[in-house]
Amino acid sequence: MDIRAFNREAWDKQVESGQNPWTQPVSPEIITAARRGEFFVLLTEQKQVPKDWIPHLKGLDVLCLACGGGQQAPIFAAAGAKVSVLDNSPKQLDRDRFVAKRDGLQLMTVEGDMRDLSFFTDESFDFIFHPVSNVFCPDVLPVWKEAFRVLRFGGTMLAGMMNPVYYIFDIFKMEEGGILEVKHSIPYSDAESLPPEKLQEFKEKGTPLEFSHTLTDLLGGQCDAGFRIIGLYEDHHSGCLLSKYHPTYIATRAIKL
């Protein structure tokens, strides 16, 4: 299975449906406020990124990594950064171009794989913003290695990720029946664990395939790539049964020294 192509088509369908909040462009009012330096962004679902995690953006070269949708990239551009946004979904990138045209912003959009940043030269960016989109990638280690390569020394990478504990449970029983039943080992893969009829349903409905990663790869992988993690917080899914008992998201702040 070509997972990248599957998820590209799925995310394009998510944009077309208009139901996924991560495909909704920010409003002109949010961009106006960002131009005054008044904004917040999300790496995970609910908790805002701490303000002291975000460097002074004016003039910085910023990469929004696997981060299309017309949200974070336009905000950073409005705040004065020179922004490039890479995403696998052309229609998600269309959202960024829409906001840029509507509000007179300059940003570069690049269609590509978060594991392959060969479009960019070494040490191209001062700041990388990478949300929970690595959950749609089978292998997260190349993401960290490529991010480290294109980040300048002294630069910062903010990353969001799913806590692997979320994927040990039967997702369908948890979401549809309110039952926490341990079913899967970690790392988990939709592509390997879902039956053929469910994969076909995902394809028809435009549901992206998800993949868990071990904490060794999510956190240790950043360190092995050369990053130094200097901050971490957890967050919760809204309306998720597991969130009553355990955080489902992790966000990290890492620097390249």
C-alpha atoms as a PDB file:
ATOM      1  CA  MET A   1       0.000   0.000   0.000  1.00  0.00           C
ATOM      2  CA  ASP A   2       1.201   3.506  -0.828  1.00  0.00           C
ATOM      3  CA  ILE A   3       0.463   5.062   2.540  1.00  0.00           C
ATOM      4  CA  ARG A   4       1.505   8.555   1.548  1.00  0.00           C
ATOM      5  CA  ALA A   5      -0.885   8.517  -1.435  1.00  0.00           C
ATOM      6  CA  PHE A   6      -3.677   7.032   0.696  1.00  0.00           C
ATOM      7  CA  ASN A   7      -3.351   9.764   3.315  1.00  0.00           C
ATOM      8  CA  ARG A   8      -2.956  12.520   0.731  1.00  0.00           C
ATOM      9  CA  GLU A   9      -6.300  11.540  -0.808  1.00  0.00           C
ATOM     10  CA  ALA A  10      -7.862  11.164   2.644  1.00  0.00           C
ATOM     11  CA  TRP A  11      -6.798  14.621   3.777  1.00  0.00           C
ATOM     12  CA  ASP A  12      -7.989  16.146   0.521  1.00  0.00           C
ATOM     13  CA  LYS A  13     -11.394  14.584   1.259  1.00  0.00           C
ATOM     14  CA  GLN A  14     -11.249  15.946   4.809  1.00  0.00           C
ATOM     15  CA  VAL A  15     -10.846  19.428   3.350  1.00  0.00           C
ATOM     16  CA  GLU A  16     -13.721  18.891   0.944  1.00  0.00           C
ATOM     17  CA  SER A  17     -16.047  17.707   3.709  1.00  0.00           C
ATOM     18  CA  GLY A  18     -15.428  20.842   5.776  1.00  0.00           C
ATOM     19  CA  GLN A  19     -16.002  18.892   9.000  1.00  0.00           C
ATOM     20  CA  ASN A  20     -12.452  18.526  10.286  1.00  0.00           C
ATOM     21  CA  PRO A  21     -11.430  21.507  12.469  1.00  0.00           C
ATOM     22  CA  TRP A  22      -7.811  21.153  11.333  1.00  0.00           C
ATOM     23  CA  THR A  23      -8.863  22.081   7.800  1.00  0.00           C
ATOM     24  CA  GLN A  24     -10.603  25.337   8.767  1.00  0.00           C
ATOM     25  CA  PRO A  25      -8.667  28.516   7.847  1.00  0.00           C
ATOM     26  CA  VAL A  26      -8.283  31.168  10.517  1.00  0.00           C
ATOM     27  CA  SER A  27     -10.406  34.292  10.280  1.00  0.00           C
ATOM     28  CA  PRO A  28      -9.254  37.747   9.127  1.00  0.00           C
ATOM     29  CA  GLU A  29      -9.704  38.918  12.725  1.00  0.00           C
ATOM     30  CA  ILE A  30      -7.153  36.349  13.940  1.00  0.00           C
ATOM     31  CA  ILE A  31      -4.674  37.513  11.313  1.00  0.00           C
ATOM     32  CA  THR A  32      -5.215  41.159  12.282  1.00  0.00           C
ATOM     33  CA  ALA A  33      -4.518  40.300  15.918  1.00  0.00           C
ATOM     34  CA  ALA A  34      -1.408  38.298  14.948  1.00  0.00           C
ATOM     35  CA  ARG A  35      -0.052  41.371  13.167  1.00  0.00           C
ATOM     36  CA  ARG A  36      -0.208  43.088  16.568  1.00  0.00           C
ATOM     37  CA  GLY A  37       1.597  40.139  18.131  1.00  0.00           C
ATOM     38  CA  GLU A  38      -1.572  38.817  19.761  1.00  0.00           C
ATOM     39  CA  PHE A  39      -2.086  35.151  18.914  1.00  0.00           C
ATOM     40  CA  PHE A  40      -1.959  31.582  20.147  1.00  0.00           C
ATOM     41  CA  VAL A  41      -1.243  28.322  18.330  1.00  0.00           C
ATOM     42  CA  LEU A  42      -1.870  24.645  19.029  1.00  0.00           C
ATOM     43  CA  LEU A  43       0.517  21.720  18.762  1.00  0.00           C
ATOM     44  CA  THR A  44      -2.097  19.421  20.293  1.00  0.00           C
ATOM     45  CA  GLU A  45      -5.859  19.684  20.534  1.00  0.00           C
ATOM     46  CA  GLN A  46      -6.715  21.901  23.475  1.00  0.00           C
ATOM     47  CA  LYS A  47      -3.773  23.347  25.381  1.00  0.00           C
ATOM     48  CA  GLN A  48      -2.235  26.477  23.900  1.00  0.00           C
ATOM     49  CA  VAL A  49       1.505  26.475  23.266  1.00  0.00           C
ATOM     50  CA  PRO A  50       3.170  28.455  26.101  1.00  0.00           C
ATOM     51  CA  LYS A  51       4.123  31.920  24.915  1.00  0.00           C
ATOM     52  CA  ASP A  52       7.700  31.520  26.122  1.00  0.00           C
ATOM     53  CA  TRP A  53       8.100  28.516  23.827  1.00  0.00           C
ATOM     54  CA  ILE A  54       7.669  30.705  20.742  1.00  0.00           C
ATOM     55  CA  PRO A  55      10.629  32.912  19.778  1.00  0.00           C
ATOM     56  CA  HIS A  56      10.244  36.490  18.617  1.00  0.00           C
ATOM     57  CA  LEU A  57       9.077  35.776  15.087  1.00  0.00           C
ATOM     58  CA  LYS A  58       9.794  38.950  13.166  1.00  0.00           C
ATOM     59  CA  GLY A  59      12.309  38.145  10.430  1.00  0.00           C
ATOM     60  CA  LEU A  60      12.736  34.492  11.422  1.00  0.00           C
ATOM     61  CA  ASP A  61      12.761  31.707   8.852  1.00  0.00           C
ATOM     62  CA  VAL A  62       9.996  29.348   9.978  1.00  0.00           C
ATOM     63  CA  LEU A  63       9.045  25.883   8.731  1.00  0.00           C
ATOM     64  CA  CYS A  64       5.526  24.669   9.448  1.00  0.00           C
ATOM     65  CA  LEU A  65       6.190  20.958   9.069  1.00  0.00           C
ATOM     66  CA  ALA A  66       3.243  18.776   7.957  1.00  0.00           C
ATOM     67  CA  CYS A  67       1.155  21.717   9.045  1.00  0.00           C
ATOM     68  CA  GLY A  68      -1.182  22.799   6.240  1.00  0.00           C
ATOM     69  CA  GLY A  69      -4.743  23.937   6.774  1.00  0.00           C
ATOM     70  CA  GLY A  70      -4.582  27.709   6.815  1.00  0.00           C
ATOM     71  CA  GLN A  71      -3.977  28.023  10.534  1.00  0.00           C
ATOM     72  CA  GLN A  72      -0.507  28.193  12.090  1.00  0.00           C
ATOM     73  CA  ALA A  73       1.480  29.191   8.989  1.00  0.00           C
ATOM     74  CA  PRO A  74      -0.598  32.312   8.225  1.00  0.00           C
ATOM     75  CA  ILE A  75      -0.502  33.321  11.898  1.00  0.00           C
ATOM     76  CA  PHE A  76       3.289  33.136  11.961  1.00  0.00           C
ATOM     77  CA  ALA A  77       3.495  35.055   8.676  1.00  0.00           C
ATOM     78  CA  ALA A  78       1.204  37.761  10.057  1.00  0.00           C
ATOM     79  CA  ALA A  79       3.459  37.992  13.111  1.00  0.00           C
ATOM     80  CA  GLY A  80       6.386  38.847  10.837  1.00  0.00           C
ATOM     81  CA  ALA A  81       8.056  35.507  10.102  1.00  0.00           C
ATOM     82  CA  LYS A  82       9.232  34.274   6.706  1.00  0.00           C
ATOM     83  CA  VAL A  83       7.183  31.101   6.524  1.00  0.00           C
ATOM     84  CA  SER A  84       7.398  27.897   4.510  1.00  0.00           C
ATOM     85  CA  VAL A  85       4.692  25.286   5.035  1.00  0.00           C
ATOM     86  CA  LEU A  86       5.131  21.681   3.918  1.00  0.00           C
ATOM     87  CA  ASP A  87       2.223  19.264   3.756  1.00  0.00           C
ATOM     88  CA  ASN A  88       1.277  16.040   1.991  1.00  0.00           C
ATOM     89  CA  SER A  89      -2.196  17.304   1.041  1.00  0.00           C
ATOM     90  CA  PRO A  90      -2.552  19.773  -1.856  1.00  0.00           C
ATOM     91  CA  LYS A  91      -5.947  20.880  -0.589  1.00  0.00           C
ATOM     92  CA  GLN A  92      -4.575  21.577   2.889  1.00  0.00           C
ATOM     93  CA  LEU A  93      -1.949  23.783   1.256  1.00  0.00           C
ATOM     94  CA  ASP A  94      -4.730  25.471  -0.696  1.00  0.00           C
ATOM     95  CA  ARG A  95      -6.090  26.593   2.675  1.00  0.00           C
ATOM     96  CA  ASP A  96      -2.809  28.363   3.431  1.00  0.00           C
ATOM     97  CA  ARG A  97      -2.739  29.975   0.005  1.00  0.00           C
ATOM     98  CA  PHE A  98      -6.336  31.114   0.495  1.00  0.00           C
ATOM     99  CA  VAL A  99      -5.532  32.917   3.749  1.00  0.00           C
ATOM    100  CA  ALA A 100      -2.321  34.379   2.300  1.00  0.00           C
ATOM    101  CA  LYS A 101      -4.178  35.827  -0.687  1.00  0.00           C
ATOM    102  CA  ARG A 102      -7.125  37.030   1.409  1.00  0.00           C
ATOM    103  CA  ASP A 103      -4.982  38.815   3.967  1.00  0.00           C
ATOM    104  CA  GLY A 104      -1.972  39.875   1.919  1.00  0.00           C
ATOM    105  CA  LEU A 105       0.550  37.494   3.488  1.00  0.00           C
ATOM    106  CA  GLN A 106       3.765  36.102   2.034  1.00  0.00           C
ATOM    107  CA  LEU A 107       4.394  32.397   2.563  1.00  0.00           C
ATOM    108  CA  MET A 108       5.778  29.467   0.582  1.00  0.00           C
ATOM    109  CA  THR A 109       3.802  26.235   0.226  1.00  0.00           C
ATOM    110  CA  VAL A 110       5.544  22.951  -0.559  1.00  0.00           C
ATOM    111  CA  GLU A 111       3.817  19.629  -1.206  1.00  0.00           C
ATOM    112  CA  GLY A 112       5.923  16.847   0.227  1.00  0.00           C
ATOM    113  CA  ASP A 113       6.626  14.093   2.734  1.00  0.00           C
ATOM    114  CA  MET A 114       7.550  15.149   6.278  1.00  0.00           C
ATOM    115  CA  ARG A 115      10.307  12.503   6.202  1.00  0.00           C
ATOM    116  CA  ASP A 116      12.002  14.039   3.160  1.00  0.00           C
ATOM    117  CA  LEU A 117      12.917  17.719   3.353  1.00  0.00           C
ATOM    118  CA  SER A 118      15.385  17.580   0.474  1.00  0.00           C
ATOM    119  CA  PHE A 119      13.612  20.592  -1.041  1.00  0.00           C
ATOM    120  CA  PHE A 120      15.354  22.629   1.695  1.00  0.00           C
ATOM    121  CA  THR A 121      19.082  23.081   2.190  1.00  0.00           C
ATOM    122  CA  ASP A 122      20.898  22.461   5.459  1.00  0.00           C
ATOM    123  CA  GLU A 123      20.270  25.010   8.205  1.00  0.00           C
ATOM    124  CA  SER A 124      17.484  26.862   6.371  1.00  0.00           C
ATOM    125  CA  PHE A 125      15.256  27.635   9.361  1.00  0.00           C
ATOM    126  CA  ASP A 126      15.338  29.229  12.795  1.00  0.00           C
ATOM    127  CA  PHE A 127      12.105  27.686  14.052  1.00  0.00           C
ATOM    128  CA  ILE A 128      10.167  24.512  13.182  1.00  0.00           C
ATOM    129  CA  PHE A 129       6.540  24.008  14.188  1.00  0.00           C
ATOM    130  CA  HIS A 130       5.401  20.394  13.849  1.00  0.00           C
ATOM    131  CA  PRO A 131       1.997  19.351  15.248  1.00  0.00           C
ATOM    132  CA  VAL A 132       0.528  15.900  15.843  1.00  0.00           C
ATOM    133  CA  SER A 133       0.610  15.133  12.099  1.00  0.00           C
ATOM    134  CA  ASN A 134       3.435  12.621  12.647  1.00  0.00           C
ATOM    135  CA  VAL A 135       0.646  10.242  13.715  1.00  0.00           C
ATOM    136  CA  PHE A 136      -0.088   9.860   9.979  1.00  0.00           C
ATOM    137  CA  CYS A 137       3.512   8.826   9.247  1.00  0.00           C
ATOM    138  CA  PRO A 138       4.667   5.186   9.546  1.00  0.00           C
ATOM    139  CA  ASP A 139       8.190   6.086  10.678  1.00  0.00           C
ATOM    140  CA  VAL A 140       8.917   9.145  12.797  1.00  0.00           C
ATOM    141  CA  LEU A 141      12.716   8.848  13.058  1.00  0.00           C
ATOM    142  CA  PRO A 142      13.408  10.344   9.595  1.00  0.00           C
ATOM    143  CA  VAL A 143      11.184  13.288  10.545  1.00  0.00           C
ATOM    144  CA  TRP A 144      13.469  14.194  13.454  1.00  0.00           C
ATOM    145  CA  LYS A 145      16.651  13.671  11.434  1.00  0.00           C
ATOM    146  CA  GLU A 146      15.461  15.869   8.578  1.00  0.00           C
ATOM    147  CA  ALA A 147      14.153  18.535  10.954  1.00  0.00           C
ATOM    148  CA  PHE A 148      17.531  18.641  12.688  1.00  0.00           C
ATOM    149  CA  ARG A 149      19.310  18.981   9.358  1.00  0.00           C
ATOM    150  CA  VAL A 150      17.300  21.954   8.128  1.00  0.00           C
ATOM    151  CA  LEU A 151      17.257  23.772  11.487  1.00  0.00           C
ATOM    152  CA  ARG A 152      19.996  26.269  12.278  1.00  0.00           C
ATOM    153  CA  PHE A 153      22.141  25.907  15.375  1.00  0.00           C
ATOM    154  CA  GLY A 154      20.436  27.646  18.257  1.00  0.00           C
ATOM    155  CA  GLY A 155      17.054  27.072  16.612  1.00  0.00           C
ATOM    156  CA  THR A 156      13.945  25.577  18.176  1.00  0.00           C
ATOM    157  CA  MET A 157      11.592  22.778  17.144  1.00  0.00           C
ATOM    158  CA  LEU A 158       8.159  22.445  18.737  1.00  0.00           C
ATOM    159  CA  ALA A 159       6.498  19.074  18.153  1.00  0.00           C
ATOM    160  CA  GLY A 160       3.187  17.486  19.057  1.00  0.00           C
ATOM    161  CA  MET A 161       2.526  13.750  19.168  1.00  0.00           C
ATOM    162  CA  MET A 162       0.067  11.131  20.360  1.00  0.00           C
ATOM    163  CA  ASN A 163       0.884   9.255  23.533  1.00  0.00           C
ATOM    164  CA  PRO A 164       1.312   5.615  22.421  1.00  0.00           C
ATOM    165  CA  VAL A 165      -0.993   4.453  25.219  1.00  0.00           C
ATOM    166  CA  TYR A 166      -3.942   5.664  23.133  1.00  0.00           C
ATOM    167  CA  TYR A 167      -3.323   2.944  20.566  1.00  0.00           C
ATOM    168  CA  ILE A 168      -3.210  -0.076  22.875  1.00  0.00           C
ATOM    169  CA  PHE A 169      -7.020   0.047  23.044  1.00  0.00           C
ATOM    170  CA  ASP A 170      -9.634  -1.057  20.533  1.00  0.00           C
ATOM    171  CA  ILE A 171     -10.331   2.392  19.058  1.00  0.00           C
ATOM    172  CA  PHE A 172     -13.774   1.481  17.736  1.00  0.00           C
ATOM    173  CA  LYS A 173     -15.005   0.054  21.035  1.00  0.00           C
ATOM    174  CA  MET A 174     -13.590   3.087  22.841  1.00  0.00           C
ATOM    175  CA  GLU A 175     -15.158   5.650  20.507  1.00  0.00           C
ATOM    176  CA  GLU A 176     -18.414   3.905  19.655  1.00  0.00           C
ATOM    177  CA  GLY A 177     -19.148   1.760  22.702  1.00  0.00           C
ATOM    178  CA  GLY A 178     -17.435   3.563  25.557  1.00  0.00           C
ATOM    179  CA  ILE A 179     -15.328   0.497  26.355  1.00  0.00           C
ATOM    180  CA  LEU A 180     -11.616   0.507  27.159  1.00  0.00           C
ATOM    181  CA  GLU A 181     -10.401  -2.857  25.925  1.00  0.00           C
ATOM    182  CA  VAL A 182      -6.684  -3.504  25.468  1.00  0.00           C
ATOM    183  CA  LYS A 183      -6.140  -4.969  21.992  1.00  0.00           C
ATOM    184  CA  HIS A 184      -2.940  -3.762  20.315  1.00  0.00           C
ATOM    185  CA  SER A 185       0.772  -3.781  20.979  1.00  0.00           C
ATOM    186  CA  ILE A 186       2.947  -0.738  20.327  1.00  0.00           C
ATOM    187  CA  PRO A 187       3.993   0.393  17.759  1.00  0.00           C
ATOM    188  CA  TYR A 188       0.570   0.224  16.135  1.00  0.00           C
ATOM    189  CA  SER A 189      -0.344   0.552  12.451  1.00  0.00           C
ATOM    190  CA  ASP A 190      -3.801   1.006  10.909  1.00  0.00           C
ATOM    191  CA  ALA A 191      -2.366  -0.349   7.660  1.00  0.00           C
ATOM    192  CA  GLU A 192      -1.424  -3.643   9.326  1.00  0.00           C
ATOM    193  CA  SER A 193      -4.149  -4.020  11.954  1.00  0.00           C
ATOM    194  CA  LEU A 194      -7.344  -3.004  10.170  1.00  0.00           C
ATOM    195  CA  PRO A 195      -9.213  -5.683   8.178  1.00  0.00           C
ATOM    196  CA  PRO A 196      -9.495  -5.135   4.411  1.00  0.00           C
ATOM    197  CA  GLU A 197     -13.141  -4.082   4.615  1.00  0.00           C
ATOM    198  CA  LYS A 198     -12.302  -1.401   7.201  1.00  0.00           C
ATOM    199  CA  LEU A 199      -9.415  -0.114   5.073  1.00  0.00           C
ATOM    200  CA  GLN A 200     -11.817   0.179   2.147  1.00  0.00           C
ATOM    201  CA  GLU A 201     -14.261   2.072   4.344  1.00  0.00           C
ATOM    202  CA  PHE A 202     -11.478   4.438   5.394  1.00  0.00           C
ATOM    203  CA  LYS A 203     -10.612   5.018   1.732  1.00  0.00           C
ATOM    204  CA  GLU A 204     -14.202   5.743   0.747  1.00  0.00           C
ATOM    205  CA  LYS A 205     -14.844   8.079   3.679  1.00  0.00           C
ATOM    206  CA  GLY A 206     -11.485   9.849   3.499  1.00  0.00           C
ATOM    207  CA  THR A 207     -10.254   8.715   6.901  1.00  0.00           C
ATOM    208  CA  PRO A 208      -6.437   8.977   7.140  1.00  0.00           C
ATOM    209  CA  LEU A 209      -4.447   5.990   8.364  1.00  0.00           C
ATOM    210  CA  GLU A 210      -2.792   6.449  11.747  1.00  0.00           C
ATOM    211  CA  PHE A 211       0.362   5.007  13.269  1.00  0.00           C
ATOM    212  CA  SER A 212       1.611   4.991  16.829  1.00  0.00           C
ATOM    213  CA  HIS A 213       5.279   5.304  17.699  1.00  0.00           C
ATOM    214  CA  THR A 214       7.136   4.218  20.786  1.00  0.00           C
ATOM    215  CA  LEU A 215       8.260   6.799  23.333  1.00  0.00           C
ATOM    216  CA  THR A 216      11.778   5.700  22.455  1.00  0.00           C
ATOM    217  CA  ASP A 217      11.213   6.932  18.896  1.00  0.00           C
ATOM    218  CA  LEU A 218       9.110   9.970  19.797  1.00  0.00           C
ATOM    219  CA  LEU A 219      11.350  11.347  22.542  1.00  0.00           C
ATOM    220  CA  GLY A 220      14.579   9.373  22.317  1.00  0.00           C
ATOM    221  CA  GLY A 221      14.497   9.789  18.543  1.00  0.00           C
ATOM    222  CA  GLN A 222      14.665  13.556  18.911  1.00  0.00           C
ATOM    223  CA  CYS A 223      17.657  13.214  21.213  1.00  0.00           C
ATOM    224  CA  ASP A 224      19.356  10.731  18.899  1.00  0.00           C
ATOM    225  CA  ALA A 225      18.896  13.133  15.994  1.00  0.00           C
ATOM    226  CA  GLY A 226      20.824  15.741  17.984  1.00  0.00           C
ATOM    227  CA  PHE A 227      18.088  17.755  19.675  1.00  0.00           C
ATOM    228  CA  ARG A 228      18.043  18.670  23.333  1.00  0.00           C
ATOM    229  CA  ILE A 229      14.511  18.522  24.754  1.00  0.00           C
ATOM    230  CA  ILE A 230      14.025  21.435  27.157  1.00  0.00           C
ATOM    231  CA  GLY A 231      10.251  21.411  27.656  1.00  0.00           C
ATOM    232  CA  LEU A 232       7.298  19.010  27.681  1.00  0.00           C
ATOM    233  CA  TYR A 233       3.595  19.119  28.444  1.00  0.00           C
ATOM    234  CA  GLU A 234       0.625  16.785  28.004  1.00  0.00           C
ATOM    235  CA  ASP A 235      -2.866  17.418  26.664  1.00  0.00           C
ATOM    236  CA  HIS A 236      -6.207  15.618  26.330  1.00  0.00           C
ATOM    237  CA  HIS A 237      -8.530  14.593  23.508  1.00  0.00           C
ATOM    238  CA  SER A 238     -11.891  16.281  23.753  1.00  0.00           C
ATOM    239  CA  GLY A 239     -14.696  13.747  24.136  1.00  0.00           C
ATOM    240  CA  CYS A 240     -12.320  10.792  24.412  1.00  0.00           C
ATOM    241  CA  LEU A 241     -13.008   8.175  27.086  1.00  0.00           C
ATOM    242  CA  LEU A 242      -9.303   7.577  27.710  1.00  0.00           C
ATOM    243  CA  SER A 243      -8.814  11.271  28.490  1.00  0.00           C
ATOM    244  CA  LYS A 244     -10.783  10.759  31.692  1.00  0.00           C
ATOM    245  CA  TYR A 245      -7.908   8.634  32.926  1.00  0.00           C
ATOM    246  CA  HIS A 246      -4.764   9.598  31.045  1.00  0.00           C
ATOM    247  CA  PRO A 247      -3.443  12.367  28.770  1.00  0.00           C
ATOM    248  CA  THR A 248      -3.482  11.440  25.098  1.00  0.00           C
ATOM    249  CA  TYR A 249      -1.070  14.034  23.681  1.00  0.00           C
ATOM    250  CA  ILE A 250       2.533  15.057  24.303  1.00  0.00           C
ATOM    251  CA  ALA A 251       4.193  18.282  23.165  1.00  0.00           C
ATOM    252  CA  THR A 252       7.931  18.963  23.280  1.00  0.00           C
ATOM    253  CA  ARG A 253      10.229  21.932  22.965  1.00  0.00           C
ATOM    254  CA  ALA A 254      13.665  21.034  21.614  1.00  0.00           C
ATOM    255  CA  ILE A 255      16.701  23.047  20.600  1.00  0.00           C
ATOM    256  CA  LYS A 256      19.633  22.412  18.292  1.00  0.00           C
ATOM    257  CA  LEU A 257      22.910  23.253  20.017  1.00  0.00           C
END
